[in-house]
């Protein structure tokens, strides 16, 4: 949890909003005793994009993924049927 005074919130609002979008809890405080008075909450938190399909639990590479039927191999070689 991050606490920020009203002054800090005024000067660093953009950064605090970005942190809230990343899922961090931002609490605004007031007065010398820094009493919590408000919270900055992202409406739609940003989700981290993952492009690594090979570590996805539903993604498997079969052992024979690079094997072709004999007819296809002959076609690639330019051999007749």
Foldseek 3Di string as FASTA:
>chain_A
DAEDEPVRCVVCVVVQLLVLLCPDWYFYAYDPVRHTDDTRHDPHRDDDDDPPPVPDPVDDDDPCNPDDPPVVVCVVVVHDD
